[in-house]
Amino acid sequence: FASIDRLSGGLGEWEDACEMRDPGGKVCRIRGGCYINDLSKAERTACDCEFLGRIMDRHTIAGFRCCLD
């Protein structure tokens, strides 16, 4: 798998970029792919989609990327 790079997926990824909001509590940035049904295939696989999500909510369009240095 060493030669695999630049994969495009439909899920956004949680980032360690969080802030407190009142009301609503702590929100963190989710960015990357945007698997939302009303978007075109090109828009869903683009990497420029981003939004904020509350950390205690479950999001079916966001996940974690696990990396090893």
Protein backbone atom coordinates (compact mmCIF):
# COMPACT_ATOMS: atom_id res chain seq x y z
CA PHE A 1 0.00 0.00 0.00
CA ALA A 2 3.01 2.31 0.02
CA SER A 3 2.20 3.63 -3.46
CA ILE A 4 -1.45 4.49 -2.70
CA ASP A 5 -2.08 8.18 -2.20
CA ARG A 6 -4.62 10.91 -3.00
CA LEU A 7 -7.65 8.75 -2.43
CA SER A 8 -11.01 10.46 -2.64
CA GLY A 9 -13.78 9.43 -0.34
CA GLY A 10 -17.24 10.58 0.43
CA LEU A 11 -16.80 11.18 4.16
CA GLY A 12 -15.64 14.24 5.99
CA GLU A 13 -12.98 13.89 8.67
CA TRP A 14 -13.08 15.32 12.18
CA GLU A 15 -10.27 17.80 12.81
CA ASP A 16 -8.72 18.85 16.08
CA ALA A 17 -10.00 22.36 15.45
CA CYS A 18 -12.65 22.97 18.10
CA GLU A 19 -14.27 25.92 19.83
CA MET A 20 -16.93 26.54 22.43
CA ARG A 21 -20.26 27.87 21.21
CA ASP A 22 -23.09 29.17 23.35
CA PRO A 23 -25.60 27.61 23.14
CA GLY A 24 -24.60 24.23 21.81
CA GLY A 25 -21.33 23.50 23.55
CA LYS A 26 -18.12 22.41 21.87
CA VAL A 27 -18.05 22.15 18.07
CA CYS A 28 -15.23 20.86 15.87
CA ARG A 29 -14.49 21.29 12.20
CA ILE A 30 -15.33 18.45 9.82
CA ARG A 31 -13.79 18.72 6.37
CA GLY A 32 -12.92 16.68 3.32
CA GLY A 33 -15.43 14.70 1.29
CA CYS A 34 -19.07 15.64 1.64
CA TYR A 35 -21.41 12.69 1.18
CA ILE A 36 -24.69 14.55 1.03
CA ASN A 37 -27.26 13.11 -1.37
CA ASP A 38 -28.33 16.38 -2.96
CA LEU A 39 -24.79 17.15 -4.18
CA SER A 40 -23.35 15.99 -7.50
CA LYS A 41 -20.75 13.21 -7.56
CA ALA A 42 -18.02 15.78 -8.24
CA GLU A 43 -19.13 17.88 -5.25
CA ARG A 44 -19.32 14.83 -2.95
CA THR A 45 -15.76 13.77 -3.73
CA ALA A 46 -14.23 17.26 -3.59
CA CYS A 47 -11.96 17.96 -0.64
CA ASP A 48 -13.11 21.53 -0.02
CA CYS A 49 -16.31 20.75 1.88
CA GLU A 50 -16.27 21.82 5.52
CA PHE A 51 -18.73 22.39 8.34
CA LEU A 52 -18.88 22.36 12.14
CA GLY A 53 -20.30 19.48 14.16
CA ARG A 54 -21.12 19.24 17.86
CA ILE A 55 -18.81 16.68 19.44
CA MET A 56 -21.61 14.85 21.24
CA ASP A 57 -23.65 14.32 18.05
CA ARG A 58 -23.43 11.33 15.75
CA HIS A 59 -22.74 12.19 12.12
CA THR A 60 -23.19 9.56 9.42
CA ILE A 61 -21.13 11.60 6.95
CA ALA A 62 -18.02 12.06 9.13
CA GLY A 63 -15.29 9.76 10.38
CA PHE A 64 -11.73 9.60 11.66
CA ARG A 65 -8.53 9.07 9.73
CA CYS A 66 -5.98 7.02 11.64
CA CYS A 67 -2.38 7.70 10.64
CA LEU A 68 0.91 6.27 11.79
CA ASP A 69 3.99 8.45 11.67
